[in-house]
Amino acid sequence: VLPFTAIELTAVAMAFVVYARHATDRECIALSRHQLVIEQERAGRVSQVVFNREWVRMQERESPRALIALTEGQRTLQCGHHIRLDLREQVAQEIRWALKGF
């Protein structure tokens, strides 16, 4: 019984470690007069992508549940991983509106 308990506790500990690595995952979108900045944190790694506000375009979404894809020239970034599925369309509309009328 003791070896099985050790194996089970090891599996639970590993699950907690995996969860803890992704518990602070986030995306932050900031729009200024000249730039759209998207900062993503996944498993402790932070990446930041800066788009020229005038050149960035939102790709057409296949469904309301699809991720939000932003392009500038050859660069494409998908965001919205942490947005609830029922709110993705609303967030996409708000980004589209903000890009057009800032």
N, C-alpha and C. Protein backbone atom coordinates (compact mmCIF):
# COMPACT_ATOMS: atom_id res chain seq x y z
N VAL A 1 0.82 -1.19 0.00
CA VAL A 1 0.00 0.00 0.00
C VAL A 1 0.87 1.26 0.00
N LEU A 2 1.95 1.23 0.74
CA LEU A 2 2.81 2.41 0.85
C LEU A 2 3.39 2.85 -0.50
N PRO A 3 3.86 1.92 -1.36
CA PRO A 3 4.37 2.37 -2.67
C PRO A 3 3.29 3.03 -3.53
N PHE A 4 2.07 2.50 -3.49
CA PHE A 4 1.00 3.09 -4.28
C PHE A 4 0.63 4.48 -3.75
N THR A 5 0.67 4.65 -2.45
CA THR A 5 0.41 5.95 -1.85
C THR A 5 1.47 6.96 -2.28
N ALA A 6 2.72 6.52 -2.32
CA ALA A 6 3.81 7.41 -2.74
C ALA A 6 3.64 7.81 -4.20
N ILE A 7 3.26 6.86 -5.04
CA ILE A 7 3.04 7.16 -6.46
C ILE A 7 1.89 8.14 -6.62
N GLU A 8 0.81 7.92 -5.89
CA GLU A 8 -0.35 8.79 -5.98
C GLU A 8 -0.03 10.21 -5.48
N LEU A 9 0.68 10.33 -4.39
CA LEU A 9 1.06 11.65 -3.88
C LEU A 9 2.02 12.37 -4.83
N THR A 10 2.89 11.61 -5.48
CA THR A 10 3.79 12.21 -6.47
C THR A 10 2.99 12.76 -7.65
N ALA A 11 1.99 12.00 -8.10
CA ALA A 11 1.15 12.46 -9.20
C ALA A 11 0.38 13.72 -8.81
N VAL A 12 -0.14 13.77 -7.60
CA VAL A 12 -0.87 14.96 -7.14
C VAL A 12 0.07 16.15 -7.05
N ALA A 13 1.28 15.94 -6.55
CA ALA A 13 2.26 17.03 -6.45
C ALA A 13 2.62 17.56 -7.83
N MET A 14 2.78 16.67 -8.80
CA MET A 14 3.10 17.11 -10.17
C MET A 14 1.94 17.92 -10.76
N ALA A 15 0.71 17.50 -10.47
CA ALA A 15 -0.45 18.25 -10.97
C ALA A 15 -0.48 19.65 -10.37
N PHE A 16 -0.14 19.77 -9.09
CA PHE A 16 -0.10 21.10 -8.46
C PHE A 16 0.98 21.97 -9.09
N VAL A 17 2.12 21.39 -9.43
CA VAL A 17 3.20 22.16 -10.05
C VAL A 17 2.76 22.67 -11.42
N VAL A 18 2.14 21.81 -12.21
CA VAL A 18 1.67 22.22 -13.54
C VAL A 18 0.62 23.32 -13.39
N TYR A 19 -0.30 23.17 -12.47
CA TYR A 19 -1.32 24.19 -12.26
C TYR A 19 -0.69 25.51 -11.82
N ALA A 20 0.26 25.45 -10.91
CA ALA A 20 0.88 26.66 -10.39
C ALA A 20 1.63 27.42 -11.49
N ARG A 21 2.22 26.71 -12.43
CA ARG A 21 2.93 27.38 -13.52
C ARG A 21 1.99 28.20 -14.39
N HIS A 22 0.76 27.75 -14.54
CA HIS A 22 -0.18 28.44 -15.43
C HIS A 22 -1.23 29.26 -14.68
N ALA A 23 -1.17 29.28 -13.38
CA ALA A 23 -2.17 30.02 -12.60
C ALA A 23 -2.09 31.52 -12.83
N THR A 24 -0.92 32.03 -13.18
CA THR A 24 -0.75 33.47 -13.38
C THR A 24 -0.67 33.85 -14.85
N ASP A 25 -1.04 32.95 -15.75
CA ASP A 25 -1.05 33.28 -17.18
C ASP A 25 -2.00 34.45 -17.41
N ARG A 26 -1.62 35.34 -18.34
CA ARG A 26 -2.44 36.51 -18.59
C ARG A 26 -2.11 37.09 -19.95
N GLU A 27 -3.01 37.97 -20.41
CA GLU A 27 -2.79 38.77 -21.61
C GLU A 27 -3.23 40.19 -21.30
N CYS A 28 -2.44 41.13 -21.74
CA CYS A 28 -2.75 42.54 -21.51
C CYS A 28 -2.65 43.26 -22.86
N ILE A 29 -3.71 43.98 -23.21
CA ILE A 29 -3.75 44.72 -24.47
C ILE A 29 -3.81 46.21 -24.14
N ALA A 30 -2.86 46.96 -24.69
CA ALA A 30 -2.82 48.41 -24.46
C ALA A 30 -2.78 49.11 -25.81
N LEU A 31 -3.63 50.10 -25.96
CA LEU A 31 -3.70 50.85 -27.21
C LEU A 31 -3.38 52.31 -26.92
N SER A 32 -2.42 52.83 -27.65
CA SER A 32 -2.09 54.25 -27.54
C SER A 32 -2.35 54.89 -28.90
N ARG A 33 -2.00 56.14 -29.02
CA ARG A 33 -2.25 56.85 -30.28
C ARG A 33 -1.48 56.24 -31.45
N HIS A 34 -0.31 55.65 -31.19
CA HIS A 34 0.52 55.14 -32.28
C HIS A 34 0.80 53.64 -32.22
N GLN A 35 0.50 52.99 -31.10
CA GLN A 35 0.88 51.59 -30.95
C GLN A 35 -0.24 50.75 -30.34
N LEU A 36 -0.22 49.48 -30.70
CA LEU A 36 -1.02 48.46 -30.03
C LEU A 36 -0.02 47.49 -29.42
N VAL A 37 -0.03 47.38 -28.11
CA VAL A 37 0.93 46.54 -27.40
C VAL A 37 0.18 45.38 -26.77
N ILE A 38 0.62 44.16 -27.06
CA ILE A 38 0.02 42.97 -26.47
C ILE A 38 1.11 42.25 -25.69
N GLU A 39 0.86 42.07 -24.41
CA GLU A 39 1.80 41.38 -23.54
C GLU A 39 1.14 40.09 -23.08
N GLN A 40 1.83 38.97 -23.31
CA GLN A 40 1.30 37.67 -22.93
C GLN A 40 2.27 37.01 -21.95
N GLU A 41 1.72 36.40 -20.91
CA GLU A 41 2.53 35.62 -19.98
C GLU A 41 1.97 34.21 -19.95
N ARG A 42 2.84 33.25 -20.25
CA ARG A 42 2.46 31.84 -20.24
C ARG A 42 3.55 31.06 -19.52
N ALA A 43 3.17 30.39 -18.47
CA ALA A 43 4.08 29.55 -17.68
C ALA A 43 5.31 30.33 -17.23
N GLY A 44 5.10 31.59 -16.85
CA GLY A 44 6.20 32.39 -16.34
C GLY A 44 7.01 33.12 -17.40
N ARG A 45 6.77 32.84 -18.67
CA ARG A 45 7.48 33.53 -19.76
C ARG A 45 6.62 34.67 -20.27
N VAL A 46 7.23 35.85 -20.33
CA VAL A 46 6.51 37.04 -20.78
C VAL A 46 7.00 37.41 -22.18
N SER A 47 6.05 37.62 -23.09
CA SER A 47 6.39 38.10 -24.43
C SER A 47 5.56 39.34 -24.71
N GLN A 48 6.16 40.26 -25.42
CA GLN A 48 5.49 41.52 -25.75
C GLN A 48 5.61 41.76 -27.25
N VAL A 49 4.49 42.06 -27.87
CA VAL A 49 4.46 42.34 -29.30
C VAL A 49 3.90 43.75 -29.47
N VAL A 50 4.61 44.57 -30.25
CA VAL A 50 4.19 45.95 -30.49
C VAL A 50 3.83 46.08 -31.97
N PHE A 51 2.62 46.50 -32.23
CA PHE A 51 2.15 46.74 -33.59
C PHE A 51 2.00 48.23 -33.81
N ASN A 52 2.24 48.66 -35.04
CA ASN A 52 1.92 50.03 -35.43
C ASN A 52 0.40 50.11 -35.54
N ARG A 53 -0.19 51.01 -34.80
CA ARG A 53 -1.65 51.09 -34.71
C ARG A 53 -2.31 51.30 -36.07
N GLU A 54 -1.68 52.04 -36.94
CA GLU A 54 -2.27 52.35 -38.24
C GLU A 54 -2.20 51.16 -39.21
N TRP A 55 -1.30 50.24 -38.97
CA TRP A 55 -1.12 49.12 -39.90
C TRP A 55 -1.76 47.83 -39.41
N VAL A 56 -2.10 47.74 -38.15
CA VAL A 56 -2.61 46.49 -37.62
C VAL A 56 -4.06 46.27 -38.08
N ARG A 57 -4.36 45.03 -38.44
CA ARG A 57 -5.70 44.65 -38.88
C ARG A 57 -6.12 43.40 -38.13
N MET A 58 -7.42 43.29 -37.91
CA MET A 58 -7.97 42.11 -37.28
C MET A 58 -8.46 41.17 -38.37
N GLN A 59 -8.01 39.94 -38.32
CA GLN A 59 -8.45 38.96 -39.31
C GLN A 59 -9.90 38.57 -39.03
N GLU A 60 -10.58 38.20 -40.09
CA GLU A 60 -11.97 37.76 -39.96
C GLU A 60 -11.98 36.45 -39.15
N ARG A 61 -12.90 36.37 -38.20
CA ARG A 61 -12.98 35.20 -37.33
C ARG A 61 -13.92 34.18 -37.92
N GLU A 62 -13.55 32.90 -37.84
CA GLU A 62 -14.36 31.83 -38.40
C GLU A 62 -15.61 31.56 -37.58
N SER A 63 -15.50 31.78 -36.26
CA SER A 63 -16.65 31.56 -35.38
C SER A 63 -16.51 32.48 -34.17
N PRO A 64 -17.59 32.69 -33.42
CA PRO A 64 -17.49 33.54 -32.24
C PRO A 64 -16.54 32.97 -31.17
N ARG A 65 -16.25 31.69 -31.22
CA ARG A 65 -15.36 31.06 -30.24
C ARG A 65 -13.89 31.09 -30.68
N ALA A 66 -13.61 31.50 -31.90
CA ALA A 66 -12.24 31.52 -32.41
C ALA A 66 -11.41 32.58 -31.69
N LEU A 67 -10.10 32.36 -31.65
CA LEU A 67 -9.20 33.35 -31.06
C LEU A 67 -9.19 34.62 -31.91
N ILE A 68 -8.74 35.70 -31.32
CA ILE A 68 -8.65 36.99 -32.00
C ILE A 68 -7.29 37.06 -32.66
N ALA A 69 -7.24 37.18 -33.97
CA ALA A 69 -5.99 37.23 -34.72
C ALA A 69 -5.74 38.64 -35.22
N LEU A 70 -4.59 39.19 -34.87
CA LEU A 70 -4.17 40.52 -35.30
C LEU A 70 -2.98 40.38 -36.22
N THR A 71 -2.97 41.13 -37.32
CA THR A 71 -1.87 41.06 -38.27
C THR A 71 -1.34 42.45 -38.57
N GLU A 72 -0.06 42.48 -38.86
CA GLU A 72 0.61 43.68 -39.36
C GLU A 72 1.66 43.19 -40.34
N GLY A 73 1.41 43.39 -41.61
CA GLY A 73 2.32 42.87 -42.61
C GLY A 73 2.34 41.35 -42.56
N GLN A 74 3.52 40.78 -42.34
CA GLN A 74 3.67 39.33 -42.26
C GLN A 74 3.49 38.77 -40.85
N ARG A 75 3.45 39.66 -39.85
CA ARG A 75 3.33 39.20 -38.45
C ARG A 75 1.88 38.97 -38.09
N THR A 76 1.62 37.86 -37.42
CA THR A 76 0.29 37.54 -36.93
C THR A 76 0.40 37.11 -35.48
N LEU A 77 -0.53 37.57 -34.68
CA LEU A 77 -0.57 37.19 -33.27
C LEU A 77 -2.00 36.83 -32.91
N GLN A 78 -2.15 35.68 -32.26
CA GLN A 78 -3.47 35.28 -31.78
C GLN A 78 -3.55 35.56 -30.30
N CYS A 79 -4.61 36.21 -29.89
CA CYS A 79 -4.80 36.52 -28.47
C CYS A 79 -6.23 36.18 -28.08
N GLY A 80 -6.49 36.28 -26.80
CA GLY A 80 -7.81 35.97 -26.28
C GLY A 80 -7.90 34.59 -25.68
N HIS A 81 -6.75 34.00 -25.37
CA HIS A 81 -6.73 32.66 -24.80
C HIS A 81 -7.45 32.59 -23.45
N HIS A 82 -7.43 33.66 -22.70
CA HIS A 82 -7.96 33.65 -21.34
C HIS A 82 -9.31 34.35 -21.21
N ILE A 83 -9.92 34.66 -22.34
CA ILE A 83 -11.24 35.28 -22.35
C ILE A 83 -12.29 34.18 -22.43
N ARG A 84 -13.33 34.31 -21.63
CA ARG A 84 -14.40 33.31 -21.68
C ARG A 84 -14.95 33.23 -23.10
N LEU A 85 -15.31 32.02 -23.52
CA LEU A 85 -15.76 31.81 -24.89
C LEU A 85 -16.97 32.68 -25.24
N ASP A 86 -17.87 32.88 -24.30
CA ASP A 86 -19.06 33.68 -24.61
C ASP A 86 -18.77 35.17 -24.68
N LEU A 87 -17.57 35.60 -24.27
CA LEU A 87 -17.22 37.03 -24.31
C LEU A 87 -16.21 37.38 -25.41
N ARG A 88 -15.67 36.37 -26.10
CA ARG A 88 -14.65 36.64 -27.12
C ARG A 88 -15.15 37.55 -28.23
N GLU A 89 -16.37 37.34 -28.68
CA GLU A 89 -16.91 38.16 -29.76
C GLU A 89 -17.03 39.61 -29.31
N GLN A 90 -17.46 39.83 -28.09
CA GLN A 90 -17.59 41.19 -27.57
C GLN A 90 -16.23 41.86 -27.47
N VAL A 91 -15.22 41.14 -26.99
CA VAL A 91 -13.87 41.72 -26.89
C VAL A 91 -13.32 42.02 -28.29
N ALA A 92 -13.56 41.13 -29.23
CA ALA A 92 -13.12 41.38 -30.61
C ALA A 92 -13.76 42.63 -31.18
N GLN A 93 -15.05 42.81 -30.92
CA GLN A 93 -15.74 44.02 -31.39
C GLN A 93 -15.15 45.26 -30.75
N GLU A 94 -14.84 45.19 -29.46
CA GLU A 94 -14.28 46.35 -28.77
C GLU A 94 -12.89 46.70 -29.30
N ILE A 95 -12.08 45.69 -29.60
CA ILE A 95 -10.76 45.96 -30.17
C ILE A 95 -10.91 46.58 -31.56
N ARG A 96 -11.80 46.02 -32.36
CA ARG A 96 -12.05 46.55 -33.71
C ARG A 96 -12.50 48.02 -33.62
N TRP A 97 -13.43 48.29 -32.70
CA TRP A 97 -13.93 49.66 -32.52
C TRP A 97 -12.81 50.59 -32.07
N ALA A 98 -12.00 50.14 -31.12
CA ALA A 98 -10.92 50.98 -30.62
C ALA A 98 -9.87 51.27 -31.69
N LEU A 99 -9.57 50.29 -32.54
CA LEU A 99 -8.60 50.50 -33.60
C LEU A 99 -9.11 51.52 -34.63
N LYS A 100 -10.39 51.52 -34.88
CA LYS A 100 -10.95 52.44 -35.87
C LYS A 100 -11.11 53.85 -35.36
N GLY A 101 -11.53 54.00 -34.09
CA GLY A 101 -11.93 55.32 -33.64
C GLY A 101 -11.15 55.95 -32.54
N PHE A 102 -9.93 55.56 -32.32
CA PHE A 102 -9.15 56.13 -31.21
C PHE A 102 -8.82 57.58 -31.45
